[in-house]
Amino acid sequence: MTLLTGVNRNIISKLHNSLKLYYPCKFTQRNIHYTQGQSPEPSLREYFYYIDHQGMVSARNHTTGYYIRLIVTTMKETHINVDLFLDDSRMKNFTSCFKDKKFLVFFFKKLKMNTTNRYPEFPYLSLCGRERNFVRCDDCPLVFTHVIKTITTSGTTENRLCYGHAGDLLSVKFEPERVHMSPETGRVYHPAPTAVGSIGLVQSKLAIEFSKYFRFDNGEYNSPTHFTWDMTSYTLKTDWYVAIKELTTQTV
């Protein structure tokens, strides 16, 4: 049995190295012609977003306009901040940041797989009234940032995993036994709504916190086998993650 105490540096190193990975969501780079706010039909506008947790990436040379970005700010190598902001080549400051929680909730609740024939390079779509918001991402569209405790209608306590930088307004039920850490990258995942592909990424700051409670019965170079949360030890189930990845591979 291997506890994380002896391999914590290895896990943290993998997490930081994973920030250098580029387009693991298999985005194919090619000439994509679009204009932010374009109107292909009367009274309809289209915008193009990008979810990125690798840092502040400059706007692509073929676009200016709205993006979703995960801005990585390192403080003692563990702190990551998430913002939704307007990225325009003419805007050089953050006064245009979208931090309105109501907007974030509306945007993410409408987010789903892009099953249209328009812009397949953007795997996700958020329909907001007469706006089509096409979205692509660096890994997963949902990034979990923190855990909260809530009281259910039956009066019991429930842990929930929050995402979307909307405070406690966007969350899924936290299932500790289904936390999965990739042994290759050190990234940590948790089930997400099926509308966005069923897999969500755990933000690095939270993943490092989780890593303190992993146990590696199969050795440090394999996925953890157990996870302790709220003084309960869970045997980790990875079949959900493997099944989704296999299905995704078959459909690519």
Protein backbone atom coordinates (compact mmCIF):
# COMPACT_ATOMS: atom_id res chain seq x y z
CA MET A 1 0.00 0.00 0.00
CA THR A 2 1.35 3.43 -0.96
CA LEU A 3 0.05 6.57 0.68
CA LEU A 4 0.32 9.87 -1.13
CA THR A 5 2.75 11.28 1.42
CA GLY A 6 5.69 9.81 -0.48
CA VAL A 7 4.49 10.70 -3.97
CA ASN A 8 2.83 14.09 -3.49
CA ARG A 9 5.59 15.88 -5.38
CA ASN A 10 5.20 13.46 -8.28
CA ILE A 11 1.46 14.16 -8.52
CA ILE A 12 1.89 17.93 -8.26
CA SER A 13 4.63 17.80 -10.89
CA LYS A 14 2.29 15.94 -13.25
CA LEU A 15 -0.47 18.48 -12.65
CA HIS A 16 1.79 21.39 -13.50
CA ASN A 17 3.23 19.60 -16.52
CA SER A 18 -0.31 18.92 -17.74
CA LEU A 19 -0.83 22.69 -18.02
CA LYS A 20 1.63 22.57 -20.92
CA LEU A 21 -0.51 20.14 -22.91
CA TYR A 22 -2.21 21.81 -25.84
CA TYR A 23 -5.63 20.91 -27.25
CA PRO A 24 -6.07 17.47 -25.60
CA CYS A 25 -9.73 17.68 -26.68
CA LYS A 26 -8.48 16.87 -30.20
CA PHE A 27 -9.27 20.26 -31.70
CA THR A 28 -8.13 20.22 -35.32
CA GLN A 29 -6.36 23.42 -36.32
CA ARG A 30 -7.37 24.64 -39.77
CA ASN A 31 -8.64 27.80 -41.36
CA ILE A 32 -11.94 28.62 -39.69
CA HIS A 33 -13.76 31.58 -41.10
CA TYR A 34 -16.10 33.41 -38.76
CA THR A 35 -16.69 36.84 -37.31
CA GLN A 36 -17.75 37.45 -33.73
CA GLY A 37 -21.39 38.52 -33.75
CA GLN A 38 -21.96 37.39 -37.32
CA SER A 39 -25.57 37.09 -38.44
CA PRO A 40 -26.13 34.10 -40.75
CA GLU A 41 -29.88 34.57 -40.47
CA PRO A 42 -32.09 37.58 -39.65
CA SER A 43 -32.18 38.35 -35.91
CA LEU A 44 -29.60 35.64 -35.18
CA ARG A 45 -26.04 36.18 -34.01
CA GLU A 46 -23.17 33.78 -33.45
CA TYR A 47 -20.28 34.01 -31.00
CA PHE A 48 -17.29 31.76 -30.43
CA TYR A 49 -15.86 30.84 -27.04
CA TYR A 50 -12.84 28.96 -25.73
CA ILE A 51 -12.42 27.30 -22.32
CA ASP A 52 -8.74 27.16 -21.37
CA HIS A 53 -7.00 26.33 -18.11
CA GLN A 54 -3.45 26.68 -19.35
CA GLY A 55 -3.14 30.38 -18.70
CA MET A 56 -3.84 33.67 -20.43
CA VAL A 57 -3.61 32.78 -24.10
CA SER A 58 -3.67 35.59 -26.66
CA ALA A 59 -6.61 35.87 -29.02
CA ARG A 60 -6.36 33.78 -32.17
CA ASN A 61 -5.38 35.85 -35.20
CA HIS A 62 -8.61 34.95 -36.98
CA THR A 63 -10.93 36.20 -34.23
CA THR A 64 -11.57 38.92 -31.75
CA GLY A 65 -14.50 38.96 -29.39
CA TYR A 66 -16.00 36.85 -26.67
CA TYR A 67 -14.11 33.97 -25.13
CA ILE A 68 -14.32 31.90 -22.00
CA ARG A 69 -10.92 31.57 -20.41
CA LEU A 70 -9.59 29.92 -17.31
CA ILE A 71 -6.98 32.44 -16.20
CA VAL A 72 -4.16 30.70 -14.35
CA THR A 73 -2.48 32.83 -11.70
CA THR A 74 0.26 31.02 -9.81
CA MET A 75 0.87 31.77 -6.16
CA LYS A 76 3.14 29.25 -4.46
CA GLU A 77 2.43 27.02 -7.48
CA THR A 78 -1.06 26.07 -6.38
CA HIS A 79 -3.52 28.92 -6.90
CA ILE A 80 -5.67 29.06 -10.02
CA ASN A 81 -8.29 31.70 -10.68
CA VAL A 82 -11.12 31.25 -13.15
CA ASP A 83 -12.72 34.12 -15.06
CA LEU A 84 -15.02 34.62 -18.01
CA PHE A 85 -13.93 37.65 -19.97
CA LEU A 86 -14.17 39.55 -23.21
CA ASP A 87 -10.99 39.13 -25.24
CA ASP A 88 -10.67 41.68 -28.01
CA SER A 89 -7.46 42.85 -29.64
CA ARG A 90 -8.59 46.39 -28.87
CA MET A 91 -9.20 45.64 -25.18
CA LYS A 92 -6.01 45.38 -23.13
CA ASN A 93 -7.42 45.29 -19.62
CA PHE A 94 -9.86 43.27 -17.55
CA THR A 95 -12.59 45.88 -17.10
CA SER A 96 -14.60 43.81 -19.59
CA CYS A 97 -14.50 40.64 -17.49
CA PHE A 98 -17.78 38.79 -17.34
CA LYS A 99 -18.16 37.94 -13.67
CA ASP A 100 -21.91 38.28 -13.41
CA LYS A 101 -23.10 35.06 -11.80
CA LYS A 102 -26.53 35.22 -13.43
CA PHE A 103 -24.91 35.36 -16.85
CA LEU A 104 -22.58 32.46 -16.02
CA VAL A 105 -25.45 30.34 -14.72
CA PHE A 106 -27.52 31.01 -17.83
CA PHE A 107 -24.60 30.31 -20.14
CA PHE A 108 -23.51 27.03 -18.54
CA LYS A 109 -27.02 25.70 -17.99
CA LYS A 110 -27.61 26.08 -21.73
CA LEU A 111 -24.31 24.42 -22.65
CA LYS A 112 -24.59 21.14 -24.54
CA MET A 113 -22.91 19.09 -27.25
CA ASN A 114 -22.87 20.74 -30.66
CA THR A 115 -24.92 18.36 -32.81
CA THR A 116 -25.42 20.87 -35.60
CA ASN A 117 -23.47 20.85 -38.82
CA ARG A 118 -22.08 24.30 -38.13
CA TYR A 119 -18.53 24.67 -36.88
CA PRO A 120 -17.82 21.07 -35.80
CA GLU A 121 -14.46 22.35 -34.52
CA PHE A 122 -16.46 23.76 -31.63
CA PRO A 123 -17.81 20.64 -29.85
CA TYR A 124 -20.19 22.53 -27.57
CA LEU A 125 -23.03 24.97 -28.03
CA SER A 126 -24.92 27.30 -25.69
CA LEU A 127 -28.16 28.65 -27.10
CA CYS A 128 -29.07 31.94 -25.45
CA GLY A 129 -32.20 33.34 -27.04
CA ARG A 130 -31.30 34.50 -30.54
CA GLU A 131 -27.61 33.87 -29.96
CA ARG A 132 -25.64 30.76 -30.83
CA ASN A 133 -22.56 30.50 -28.67
CA PHE A 134 -20.09 27.96 -30.08
CA VAL A 135 -17.58 26.61 -27.57
CA ARG A 136 -14.38 24.63 -27.74
CA CYS A 137 -12.13 23.78 -24.84
CA ASP A 138 -8.68 22.75 -23.78
CA ASP A 139 -9.93 19.69 -21.90
CA CYS A 140 -13.47 19.65 -20.50
CA PRO A 141 -16.08 22.42 -20.67
CA LEU A 142 -16.92 22.10 -16.98
CA VAL A 143 -14.16 22.78 -14.47
CA PHE A 144 -14.96 22.00 -10.84
CA THR A 145 -13.55 24.56 -8.42
CA HIS A 146 -14.73 23.76 -4.90
CA VAL A 147 -16.89 21.53 -2.70
CA ILE A 148 -19.80 22.79 -0.63
CA LYS A 149 -22.14 21.20 1.90
CA THR A 150 -25.87 21.67 1.39
CA ILE A 151 -29.00 20.57 3.21
CA THR A 152 -31.39 18.48 1.12
CA THR A 153 -35.17 18.71 1.30
CA SER A 154 -35.14 15.64 3.54
CA GLY A 155 -32.85 17.42 5.99
CA THR A 156 -29.70 15.43 5.24
CA THR A 157 -26.30 16.92 4.43
CA GLU A 158 -24.99 16.54 0.88
CA ASN A 159 -21.61 17.44 -0.60
CA ARG A 160 -21.76 19.17 -3.97
CA LEU A 161 -19.03 19.99 -6.47
CA CYS A 162 -19.29 23.52 -7.90
CA TYR A 163 -18.24 24.67 -11.36
CA GLY A 164 -18.40 27.62 -13.75
CA HIS A 165 -17.08 30.28 -11.35
CA ALA A 166 -20.66 31.07 -10.33
CA GLY A 167 -20.14 30.65 -6.62
CA ASP A 168 -22.50 27.99 -5.30
CA LEU A 169 -25.11 28.44 -8.05
CA LEU A 170 -23.79 25.72 -10.37
CA SER A 171 -23.03 22.32 -8.90
CA VAL A 172 -23.39 18.56 -9.19
CA LYS A 173 -23.63 15.97 -6.44
CA PHE A 174 -20.13 15.08 -5.29
CA GLU A 175 -19.42 11.36 -5.69
CA PRO A 176 -16.07 10.68 -3.98
CA GLU A 177 -15.92 7.08 -5.20
CA ARG A 178 -15.98 8.27 -8.82
CA VAL A 179 -13.08 10.69 -8.63
CA HIS A 180 -10.51 9.65 -11.23
CA MET A 181 -6.88 10.72 -11.55
CA SER A 182 -5.07 10.17 -14.84
CA PRO A 183 -1.69 8.55 -14.09
CA GLU A 184 -0.28 10.07 -17.28
CA THR A 185 -1.08 13.72 -16.56
CA GLY A 186 -2.07 13.89 -12.91
CA ARG A 187 -5.30 15.59 -13.90
CA VAL A 188 -8.36 14.71 -11.85
CA TYR A 189 -11.86 14.18 -13.23
CA HIS A 190 -15.38 13.76 -11.87
CA PRO A 191 -18.70 12.92 -13.56
CA ALA A 192 -20.48 15.86 -15.20
CA PRO A 193 -23.93 16.22 -16.82
CA THR A 194 -24.42 14.11 -19.94
CA ALA A 195 -25.27 17.24 -21.93
CA VAL A 196 -21.60 18.28 -21.84
CA GLY A 197 -19.99 14.88 -22.33
CA SER A 198 -20.33 13.36 -18.84
CA ILE A 199 -16.76 14.22 -17.74
CA GLY A 200 -15.68 17.33 -15.85
CA LEU A 201 -12.17 18.47 -14.96
CA VAL A 202 -11.23 19.18 -11.35
CA GLN A 203 -9.35 22.48 -11.13
CA SER A 204 -5.67 22.03 -10.28
CA LYS A 205 -5.92 23.77 -6.92
CA LEU A 206 -8.72 21.44 -5.83
CA ALA A 207 -7.03 18.42 -7.45
CA ILE A 208 -3.91 19.04 -5.38
CA GLU A 209 -6.09 19.20 -2.28
CA PHE A 210 -7.77 15.91 -3.26
CA SER A 211 -4.38 14.31 -3.88
CA LYS A 212 -3.62 14.45 -0.16
CA TYR A 213 -6.32 11.84 0.39
CA PHE A 214 -5.47 9.38 -2.39
CA ARG A 215 -4.12 5.90 -1.70
CA PHE A 216 -2.18 3.95 -4.30
CA ASP A 217 -2.43 0.21 -3.68
CA ASN A 218 -1.26 -0.47 -7.25
CA GLY A 219 1.78 1.77 -7.05
CA GLU A 220 2.31 5.49 -7.54
CA TYR A 221 2.49 5.26 -11.34
CA ASN A 222 -1.06 3.95 -11.63
CA SER A 223 -4.35 5.60 -10.80
CA PRO A 224 -5.16 5.81 -7.08
CA THR A 225 -7.26 2.99 -5.69
CA HIS A 226 -8.83 4.73 -2.70
CA PHE A 227 -9.92 8.21 -1.72
CA THR A 228 -10.75 9.39 1.78
CA TRP A 229 -13.36 12.11 2.16
CA ASP A 230 -15.16 13.21 5.31
CA MET A 231 -13.38 10.47 7.24
CA THR A 232 -14.79 7.80 4.91
CA SER A 233 -12.51 5.72 2.68
CA TYR A 234 -13.91 5.02 -0.79
CA THR A 235 -12.76 2.38 -3.24
CA LEU A 236 -12.43 4.32 -6.47
CA LYS A 237 -14.49 3.31 -9.49
CA THR A 238 -12.94 4.20 -12.83
CA ASP A 239 -15.22 2.20 -15.12
CA TRP A 240 -17.40 5.25 -15.83
CA TYR A 241 -14.42 7.25 -17.09
CA VAL A 242 -13.01 4.42 -19.19
CA ALA A 243 -16.41 3.71 -20.78
CA ILE A 244 -16.96 7.35 -21.75
CA LYS A 245 -13.45 7.67 -23.19
CA GLU A 246 -13.87 4.48 -25.22
CA LEU A 247 -17.20 5.69 -26.57
CA THR A 248 -15.67 9.06 -27.44
CA THR A 249 -12.79 7.37 -29.26
CA GLN A 250 -15.19 5.26 -31.31
CA THR A 251 -17.19 8.31 -32.40
CA VAL A 252 -14.20 10.50 -33.32
